[in-house]
Amino acid sequence: MPVEQLQNYVGTYEIDKDFKLIIKLKNDQLFAEATGQNALPIFAESETLFFLKVVDAQLEFEKNDKNEIVKLFLLQNGNRIEAKRTE
């Protein structure tokens, strides 16, 4: 995926007031950093679905009708947890 496209995912996604996922772009690689945890690389399965290699989890991004990413879902252990984009 081109770096210009990866930039669209960068931001802060809030699960609740005390737990956020920050998506960062470093050296052409996306990373997900959960509150209190290390940043981990994420890899594209599709335009909206990414996975982690270190833990069994996926991130599913959702776009609005303007094609802007507005939230993501953390898919882990059979759960689908919504995180709204705040930044």
PDB file of N, CA and C in Angstrom:
ATOM      1  N   MET A   1       0.851  -1.172   0.000  1.00  0.00           N
ATOM      2  CA  MET A   1       0.000   0.000   0.000  1.00  0.00           C
ATOM      3  C   MET A   1       0.903   1.243   0.000  1.00  0.00           C
ATOM      4  N   PRO A   2       0.615   2.218  -0.856  1.00  0.00           N
ATOM      5  CA  PRO A   2       1.452   3.425  -0.916  1.00  0.00           C
ATOM      6  C   PRO A   2       1.425   4.210   0.403  1.00  0.00           C
ATOM      7  N   VAL A   3       2.537   4.869   0.700  1.00  0.00           N
ATOM      8  CA  VAL A   3       2.662   5.647   1.935  1.00  0.00           C
ATOM      9  C   VAL A   3       1.566   6.704   2.030  1.00  0.00           C
ATOM     10  N   GLU A   4       1.220   7.328   0.910  1.00  0.00           N
ATOM     11  CA  GLU A   4       0.172   8.351   0.914  1.00  0.00           C
ATOM     12  C   GLU A   4      -1.145   7.769   1.425  1.00  0.00           C
ATOM     13  N   GLN A   5      -1.421   6.537   1.065  1.00  0.00           N
ATOM     14  CA  GLN A   5      -2.649   5.879   1.513  1.00  0.00           C
ATOM     15  C   GLN A   5      -2.547   5.479   2.984  1.00  0.00           C
ATOM     16  N   LEU A   6      -1.380   5.006   3.403  1.00  0.00           N
ATOM     17  CA  LEU A   6      -1.185   4.627   4.805  1.00  0.00           C
ATOM     18  C   LEU A   6      -1.408   5.814   5.736  1.00  0.00           C
ATOM     19  N   GLN A   7      -1.049   7.002   5.278  1.00  0.00           N
ATOM     20  CA  GLN A   7      -1.190   8.216   6.086  1.00  0.00           C
ATOM     21  C   GLN A   7      -2.648   8.441   6.511  1.00  0.00           C
ATOM     22  N   ASN A   8      -3.599   7.959   5.719  1.00  0.00           N
ATOM     23  CA  ASN A   8      -5.023   8.136   6.029  1.00  0.00           C
ATOM     24  C   ASN A   8      -5.449   7.429   7.314  1.00  0.00           C
ATOM     25  N   TYR A   9      -4.702   6.424   7.740  1.00  0.00           N
ATOM     26  CA  TYR A   9      -5.057   5.641   8.923  1.00  0.00           C
ATOM     27  C   TYR A   9      -4.496   6.240  10.211  1.00  0.00           C
ATOM     28  N   VAL A  10      -3.495   7.107  10.070  1.00  0.00           N
ATOM     29  CA  VAL A  10      -2.807   7.680  11.227  1.00  0.00           C
ATOM     30  C   VAL A  10      -3.778   8.519  12.051  1.00  0.00           C
ATOM     31  N   GLY A  11      -3.773   8.281  13.358  1.00  0.00           N
ATOM     32  CA  GLY A  11      -4.637   9.051  14.244  1.00  0.00           C
ATOM     33  C   GLY A  11      -4.815   8.362  15.576  1.00  0.00           C
ATOM     34  N   THR A  12      -5.651   8.964  16.402  1.00  0.00           N
ATOM     35  CA  THR A  12      -5.969   8.421  17.719  1.00  0.00           C
ATOM     36  C   THR A  12      -7.404   7.921  17.703  1.00  0.00           C
ATOM     37  N   TYR A  13      -7.587   6.711  18.172  1.00  0.00           N
ATOM     38  CA  TYR A  13      -8.896   6.063  18.196  1.00  0.00           C
ATOM     39  C   TYR A  13      -9.198   5.694  19.647  1.00  0.00           C
ATOM     40  N   GLU A  14     -10.320   6.184  20.156  1.00  0.00           N
ATOM     41  CA  GLU A  14     -10.635   6.039  21.575  1.00  0.00           C
ATOM     42  C   GLU A  14     -11.655   4.930  21.808  1.00  0.00           C
ATOM     43  N   ILE A  15     -11.240   3.937  22.596  1.00  0.00           N
ATOM     44  CA  ILE A  15     -12.163   2.875  23.010  1.00  0.00           C
ATOM     45  C   ILE A  15     -12.985   3.380  24.189  1.00  0.00           C
ATOM     46  N   ASP A  16     -12.316   3.977  25.159  1.00  0.00           N
ATOM     47  CA  ASP A  16     -12.980   4.717  26.232  1.00  0.00           C
ATOM     48  C   ASP A  16     -12.006   5.786  26.716  1.00  0.00           C
ATOM     49  N   LYS A  17     -12.406   6.579  27.701  1.00  0.00           N
ATOM     50  CA  LYS A  17     -11.576   7.728  28.080  1.00  0.00           C
ATOM     51  C   LYS A  17     -10.194   7.327  28.596  1.00  0.00           C
ATOM     52  N   ASP A  18     -10.049   6.099  29.050  1.00  0.00           N
ATOM     53  CA  ASP A  18      -8.772   5.647  29.592  1.00  0.00           C
ATOM     54  C   ASP A  18      -8.005   4.707  28.668  1.00  0.00           C
ATOM     55  N   PHE A  19      -8.578   4.373  27.517  1.00  0.00           N
ATOM     56  CA  PHE A  19      -7.914   3.411  26.630  1.00  0.00           C
ATOM     57  C   PHE A  19      -8.039   3.862  25.182  1.00  0.00           C
ATOM     58  N   LYS A  20      -6.881   4.130  24.589  1.00  0.00           N
ATOM     59  CA  LYS A  20      -6.836   4.604  23.208  1.00  0.00           C
ATOM     60  C   LYS A  20      -5.881   3.738  22.392  1.00  0.00           C
ATOM     61  N   LEU A  21      -6.131   3.701  21.102  1.00  0.00           N
ATOM     62  CA  LEU A  21      -5.204   3.103  20.148  1.00  0.00           C
ATOM     63  C   LEU A  21      -4.678   4.237  19.281  1.00  0.00           C
ATOM     64  N   ILE A  22      -3.374   4.370  19.227  1.00  0.00           N
ATOM     65  CA  ILE A  22      -2.754   5.395  18.384  1.00  0.00           C
ATOM     66  C   ILE A  22      -2.118   4.686  17.196  1.00  0.00           C
ATOM     67  N   ILE A  23      -2.527   5.092  16.012  1.00  0.00           N
ATOM     68  CA  ILE A  23      -1.963   4.532  14.787  1.00  0.00           C
ATOM     69  C   ILE A  23      -0.923   5.525  14.279  1.00  0.00           C
ATOM     70  N   LYS A  24       0.312   5.028  14.115  1.00  0.00           N
ATOM     71  CA  LYS A  24       1.443   5.865  13.695  1.00  0.00           C
ATOM     72  C   LYS A  24       2.043   5.302  12.415  1.00  0.00           C
ATOM     73  N   LEU A  25       2.703   6.172  11.676  1.00  0.00           N
ATOM     74  CA  LEU A  25       3.432   5.760  10.480  1.00  0.00           C
ATOM     75  C   LEU A  25       4.902   6.082  10.700  1.00  0.00           C
ATOM     76  N   LYS A  26       5.737   5.053  10.623  1.00  0.00           N
ATOM     77  CA  LYS A  26       7.177   5.234  10.823  1.00  0.00           C
ATOM     78  C   LYS A  26       7.911   4.381   9.796  1.00  0.00           C
ATOM     79  N   ASN A  27       8.787   5.019   9.037  1.00  0.00           N
ATOM     80  CA  ASN A  27       9.563   4.314   8.002  1.00  0.00           C
ATOM     81  C   ASN A  27       8.662   3.498   7.077  1.00  0.00           C
ATOM     82  N   ASP A  28       7.576   4.112   6.620  1.00  0.00           N
ATOM     83  CA  ASP A  28       6.633   3.490   5.679  1.00  0.00           C
ATOM     84  C   ASP A  28       5.911   2.274   6.254  1.00  0.00           C
ATOM     85  N   GLN A  29       5.854   2.163   7.572  1.00  0.00           N
ATOM     86  CA  GLN A  29       5.183   1.047   8.245  1.00  0.00           C
ATOM     87  C   GLN A  29       4.197   1.606   9.260  1.00  0.00           C
ATOM     88  N   LEU A  30       2.968   1.077   9.260  1.00  0.00           N
ATOM     89  CA  LEU A  30       1.996   1.476  10.275  1.00  0.00           C
ATOM     90  C   LEU A  30       2.232   0.703  11.565  1.00  0.00           C
ATOM     91  N   PHE A  31       2.022   1.394  12.682  1.00  0.00           N
ATOM     92  CA  PHE A  31       2.130   0.801  14.010  1.00  0.00           C
ATOM     93  C   PHE A  31       0.878   1.143  14.800  1.00  0.00           C
ATOM     94  N   ALA A  32       0.469   0.225  15.658  1.00  0.00           N
ATOM     95  CA  ALA A  32      -0.638   0.461  16.582  1.00  0.00           C
ATOM     96  C   ALA A  32      -0.074   0.446  17.995  1.00  0.00           C
ATOM     97  N   GLU A  33      -0.387   1.495  18.749  1.00  0.00           N
ATOM     98  CA  GLU A  33       0.080   1.585  20.130  1.00  0.00           C
ATOM     99  C   GLU A  33      -1.121   1.777  21.045  1.00  0.00           C
ATOM    100  N   ALA A  34      -1.386   0.780  21.863  1.00  0.00           N
ATOM    101  CA  ALA A  34      -2.473   0.865  22.833  1.00  0.00           C
ATOM    102  C   ALA A  34      -1.957   1.540  24.096  1.00  0.00           C
ATOM    103  N   THR A  35      -2.843   2.184  24.820  1.00  0.00           N
ATOM    104  CA  THR A  35      -2.484   2.861  26.061  1.00  0.00           C
ATOM    105  C   THR A  35      -1.680   1.920  26.964  1.00  0.00           C
ATOM    106  N   GLY A  36      -0.493   2.371  27.375  1.00  0.00           N
ATOM    107  CA  GLY A  36       0.343   1.603  28.288  1.00  0.00           C
ATOM    108  C   GLY A  36       1.091   0.442  27.662  1.00  0.00           C
ATOM    109  N   GLN A  37       1.060   0.333  26.334  1.00  0.00           N
ATOM    110  CA  GLN A  37       1.724  -0.785  25.659  1.00  0.00           C
ATOM    111  C   GLN A  37       2.688  -0.265  24.601  1.00  0.00           C
ATOM    112  N   ASN A  38       3.548  -1.149  24.134  1.00  0.00           N
ATOM    113  CA  ASN A  38       4.491  -0.792  23.076  1.00  0.00           C
ATOM    114  C   ASN A  38       3.778  -0.716  21.731  1.00  0.00           C
ATOM    115  N   ALA A  39       4.324   0.093  20.834  1.00  0.00           N
ATOM    116  CA  ALA A  39       3.805   0.166  19.472  1.00  0.00           C
ATOM    117  C   ALA A  39       4.177  -1.117  18.732  1.00  0.00           C
ATOM    118  N   LEU A  40       3.200  -1.694  18.035  1.00  0.00           N
ATOM    119  CA  LEU A  40       3.414  -2.935  17.292  1.00  0.00           C
ATOM    120  C   LEU A  40       3.083  -2.705  15.820  1.00  0.00           C
ATOM    121  N   PRO A  41       3.872  -3.288  14.913  1.00  0.00           N
ATOM    122  CA  PRO A  41       3.579  -3.116  13.489  1.00  0.00           C
ATOM    123  C   PRO A  41       2.269  -3.803  13.107  1.00  0.00           C
ATOM    124  N   ILE A  42       1.532  -3.155  12.206  1.00  0.00           N
ATOM    125  CA  ILE A  42       0.311  -3.755  11.668  1.00  0.00           C
ATOM    126  C   ILE A  42       0.467  -3.878  10.154  1.00  0.00           C
ATOM    127  N   PHE A  43      -0.166  -4.896   9.592  1.00  0.00           N
ATOM    128  CA  PHE A  43       0.015  -5.244   8.190  1.00  0.00           C
ATOM    129  C   PHE A  43      -1.344  -5.337   7.500  1.00  0.00           C
ATOM    130  N   ALA A  44      -1.413  -4.807   6.288  1.00  0.00           N
ATOM    131  CA  ALA A  44      -2.677  -4.765   5.553  1.00  0.00           C
ATOM    132  C   ALA A  44      -3.038  -6.128   4.987  1.00  0.00           C
ATOM    133  N   GLU A  45      -4.282  -6.527   5.243  1.00  0.00           N
ATOM    134  CA  GLU A  45      -4.879  -7.687   4.585  1.00  0.00           C
ATOM    135  C   GLU A  45      -5.723  -7.207   3.418  1.00  0.00           C
ATOM    136  N   SER A  46      -6.328  -6.033   3.619  1.00  0.00           N
ATOM    137  CA  SER A  46      -7.132  -5.380   2.592  1.00  0.00           C
ATOM    138  C   SER A  46      -7.057  -3.881   2.866  1.00  0.00           C
ATOM    139  N   GLU A  47      -7.846  -3.104   2.158  1.00  0.00           N
ATOM    140  CA  GLU A  47      -7.827  -1.655   2.358  1.00  0.00           C
ATOM    141  C   GLU A  47      -8.341  -1.259   3.741  1.00  0.00           C
ATOM    142  N   THR A  48      -9.176  -2.086   4.344  1.00  0.00           N
ATOM    143  CA  THR A  48      -9.753  -1.738   5.644  1.00  0.00           C
ATOM    144  C   THR A  48      -9.383  -2.704   6.770  1.00  0.00           C
ATOM    145  N   LEU A  49      -8.745  -3.813   6.461  1.00  0.00           N
ATOM    146  CA  LEU A  49      -8.441  -4.817   7.479  1.00  0.00           C
ATOM    147  C   LEU A  49      -6.931  -5.000   7.615  1.00  0.00           C
ATOM    148  N   PHE A  50      -6.446  -4.852   8.858  1.00  0.00           N
ATOM    149  CA  PHE A  50      -5.028  -5.003   9.165  1.00  0.00           C
ATOM    150  C   PHE A  50      -4.872  -6.047  10.260  1.00  0.00           C
ATOM    151  N   PHE A  51      -3.701  -6.667  10.324  1.00  0.00           N
ATOM    152  CA  PHE A  51      -3.467  -7.669  11.357  1.00  0.00           C
ATOM    153  C   PHE A  51      -2.126  -7.423  12.025  1.00  0.00           C
ATOM    154  N   LEU A  52      -2.005  -7.970  13.224  1.00  0.00           N
ATOM    155  CA  LEU A  52      -0.758  -7.924  13.976  1.00  0.00           C
ATOM    156  C   LEU A  52      -0.142  -9.309  13.933  1.00  0.00           C
ATOM    157  N   LYS A  53       1.175  -9.377  13.886  1.00  0.00           N
ATOM    158  CA  LYS A  53       1.861 -10.669  13.890  1.00  0.00           C
ATOM    159  C   LYS A  53       2.230 -11.101  15.302  1.00  0.00           C
ATOM    160  N   VAL A  54       2.415 -10.141  16.199  1.00  0.00           N
ATOM    161  CA  VAL A  54       2.893 -10.434  17.552  1.00  0.00           C
ATOM    162  C   VAL A  54       1.776 -10.983  18.440  1.00  0.00           C
ATOM    163  N   VAL A  55       0.566 -10.497  18.226  1.00  0.00           N
ATOM    164  CA  VAL A  55      -0.600 -10.990  18.967  1.00  0.00           C
ATOM    165  C   VAL A  55      -1.689 -11.348  17.961  1.00  0.00           C
ATOM    166  N   ASP A  56      -2.608 -12.193  18.378  1.00  0.00           N
ATOM    167  CA  ASP A  56      -3.697 -12.616  17.505  1.00  0.00           C
ATOM    168  C   ASP A  56      -4.807 -11.571  17.555  1.00  0.00           C
ATOM    169  N   ALA A  57      -4.663 -10.550  16.720  1.00  0.00           N
ATOM    170  CA  ALA A  57      -5.642  -9.464  16.695  1.00  0.00           C
ATOM    171  C   ALA A  57      -5.657  -8.835  15.310  1.00  0.00           C
ATOM    172  N   GLN A  58      -6.793  -8.224  14.999  1.00  0.00           N
ATOM    173  CA  GLN A  58      -6.942  -7.497  13.744  1.00  0.00           C
ATOM    174  C   GLN A  58      -7.561  -6.137  14.035  1.00  0.00           C
ATOM    175  N   LEU A  59      -7.313  -5.205  13.139  1.00  0.00           N
ATOM    176  CA  LEU A  59      -7.938  -3.887  13.197  1.00  0.00           C
ATOM    177  C   LEU A  59      -8.727  -3.700  11.912  1.00  0.00           C
ATOM    178  N   GLU A  60     -10.006  -3.417  12.066  1.00  0.00           N
ATOM    179  CA  GLU A  60     -10.874  -3.184  10.917  1.00  0.00           C
ATOM    180  C   GLU A  60     -11.278  -1.710  10.921  1.00  0.00           C
ATOM    181  N   PHE A  61     -10.871  -0.986   9.887  1.00  0.00           N
ATOM    182  CA  PHE A  61     -11.156   0.444   9.793  1.00  0.00           C
ATOM    183  C   PHE A  61     -12.462   0.659   9.044  1.00  0.00           C
ATOM    184  N   GLU A  62     -13.209   1.685   9.465  1.00  0.00           N
ATOM    185  CA  GLU A  62     -14.486   2.003   8.820  1.00  0.00           C
ATOM    186  C   GLU A  62     -14.438   3.431   8.289  1.00  0.00           C
ATOM    187  N   LYS A  63     -14.925   3.590   7.058  1.00  0.00           N
ATOM    188  CA  LYS A  63     -14.944   4.903   6.411  1.00  0.00           C
ATOM    189  C   LYS A  63     -16.363   5.455   6.379  1.00  0.00           C
ATOM    190  N   ASN A  64     -16.446   6.792   6.283  1.00  0.00           N
ATOM    191  CA  ASN A  64     -17.751   7.424   6.103  1.00  0.00           C
ATOM    192  C   ASN A  64     -18.014   7.587   4.607  1.00  0.00           C
ATOM    193  N   ASP A  65     -19.106   8.267   4.270  1.00  0.00           N
ATOM    194  CA  ASP A  65     -19.462   8.421   2.856  1.00  0.00           C
ATOM    195  C   ASP A  65     -18.531   9.373   2.103  1.00  0.00           C
ATOM    196  N   LYS A  66     -17.647  10.067   2.832  1.00  0.00           N
ATOM    197  CA  LYS A  66     -16.631  10.926   2.204  1.00  0.00           C
ATOM    198  C   LYS A  66     -15.302  10.188   2.060  1.00  0.00           C
ATOM    199  N   ASN A  67     -15.320   8.889   2.350  1.00  0.00           N
ATOM    200  CA  ASN A  67     -14.136   8.033   2.257  1.00  0.00           C
ATOM    201  C   ASN A  67     -13.075   8.376   3.308  1.00  0.00           C
ATOM    202  N   GLU A  68     -13.514   8.980   4.425  1.00  0.00           N
ATOM    203  CA  GLU A  68     -12.616   9.304   5.533  1.00  0.00           C
ATOM    204  C   GLU A  68     -12.742   8.219   6.600  1.00  0.00           C
ATOM    205  N   ILE A  69     -11.623   7.829   7.179  1.00  0.00           N
ATOM    206  CA  ILE A  69     -11.656   6.821   8.238  1.00  0.00           C
ATOM    207  C   ILE A  69     -12.153   7.485   9.520  1.00  0.00           C
ATOM    208  N   VAL A  70     -13.234   6.948  10.071  1.00  0.00           N
ATOM    209  CA  VAL A  70     -13.874   7.564  11.235  1.00  0.00           C
ATOM    210  C   VAL A  70     -13.800   6.703  12.491  1.00  0.00           C
ATOM    211  N   LYS A  71     -13.509   5.422  12.331  1.00  0.00           N
ATOM    212  CA  LYS A  71     -13.406   4.536  13.493  1.00  0.00           C
ATOM    213  C   LYS A  71     -12.684   3.273  13.094  1.00  0.00           C
ATOM    214  N   LEU A  72     -12.339   2.513  14.105  1.00  0.00           N
ATOM    215  CA  LEU A  72     -11.806   1.181  13.863  1.00  0.00           C
ATOM    216  C   LEU A  72     -12.441   0.230  14.854  1.00  0.00           C
ATOM    217  N   PHE A  73     -12.329  -1.038  14.538  1.00  0.00           N
ATOM    218  CA  PHE A  73     -12.774  -2.092  15.439  1.00  0.00           C
ATOM    219  C   PHE A  73     -11.577  -2.976  15.743  1.00  0.00           C
ATOM    220  N   LEU A  74     -11.349  -3.218  17.021  1.00  0.00           N
ATOM    221  CA  LEU A  74     -10.324  -4.153  17.462  1.00  0.00           C
ATOM    222  C   LEU A  74     -10.976  -5.525  17.525  1.00  0.00           C
ATOM    223  N   LEU A  75     -10.458  -6.448  16.738  1.00  0.00           N
ATOM    224  CA  LEU A  75     -10.985  -7.810  16.690  1.00  0.00           C
ATOM    225  C   LEU A  75      -9.987  -8.722  17.396  1.00  0.00           C
ATOM    226  N   GLN A  76     -10.382  -9.202  18.578  1.00  0.00           N
ATOM    227  CA  GLN A  76      -9.465 -10.016  19.373  1.00  0.00           C
ATOM    228  C   GLN A  76     -10.262 -10.897  20.326  1.00  0.00           C
ATOM    229  N   ASN A  77      -9.858 -12.153  20.431  1.00  0.00           N
ATOM    230  CA  ASN A  77     -10.489 -13.114  21.346  1.00  0.00           C
ATOM    231  C   ASN A  77     -12.003 -13.196  21.158  1.00  0.00           C
ATOM    232  N   GLY A  78     -12.456 -13.123  19.915  1.00  0.00           N
ATOM    233  CA  GLY A  78     -13.881 -13.212  19.634  1.00  0.00           C
ATOM    234  C   GLY A  78     -14.652 -11.935  19.902  1.00  0.00           C
ATOM    235  N   ASN A  79     -13.969 -10.874  20.313  1.00  0.00           N
ATOM    236  CA  ASN A  79     -14.618  -9.591  20.593  1.00  0.00           C
ATOM    237  C   ASN A  79     -14.419  -8.631  19.432  1.00  0.00           C
ATOM    238  N   ARG A  80     -15.372  -7.724  19.274  1.00  0.00           N
ATOM    239  CA  ARG A  80     -15.289  -6.658  18.264  1.00  0.00           C
ATOM    240  C   ARG A  80     -15.530  -5.346  19.001  1.00  0.00           C
ATOM    241  N   ILE A  81     -14.432  -4.654  19.321  1.00  0.00           N
ATOM    242  CA  ILE A  81     -14.496  -3.466  20.171  1.00  0.00           C
ATOM    243  C   ILE A  81     -14.326  -2.219  19.314  1.00  0.00           C
ATOM    244  N   GLU A  82     -15.295  -1.315  19.405  1.00  0.00           N
ATOM    245  CA  GLU A  82     -15.287  -0.091  18.611  1.00  0.00           C
ATOM    246  C   GLU A  82     -14.399   0.975  19.239  1.00  0.00           C
ATOM    247  N   ALA A  83     -13.660   1.676  18.381  1.00  0.00           N
ATOM    248  CA  ALA A  83     -12.838   2.808  18.808  1.00  0.00           C
ATOM    249  C   ALA A  83     -13.067   3.946  17.821  1.00  0.00           C
ATOM    250  N   LYS A  84     -13.637   5.045  18.301  1.00  0.00           N
ATOM    251  CA  LYS A  84     -13.925   6.190  17.432  1.00  0.00           C
ATOM    252  C   LYS A  84     -12.687   7.065  17.281  1.00  0.00           C
ATOM    253  N   ARG A  85     -12.498   7.559  16.078  1.00  0.00           N
ATOM    254  CA  ARG A  85     -11.350   8.422  15.797  1.00  0.00           C
ATOM    255  C   ARG A  85     -11.572   9.781  16.453  1.00  0.00           C
ATOM    256  N   THR A  86     -10.584  10.217  17.222  1.00  0.00           N
ATOM    257  CA  THR A  86     -10.683  11.506  17.902  1.00  0.00           C
ATOM    258  C   THR A  86      -9.690  12.516  17.343  1.00  0.00           C
ATOM    259  N   GLU A  87      -8.652  12.050  16.689  1.00  0.00           N
ATOM    260  CA  GLU A  87      -7.639  12.944  16.092  1.00  0.00           C
ATOM    261  C   GLU A  87      -7.238  12.397  14.744  1.00  0.00           C
TER     262      GLU A  87
END
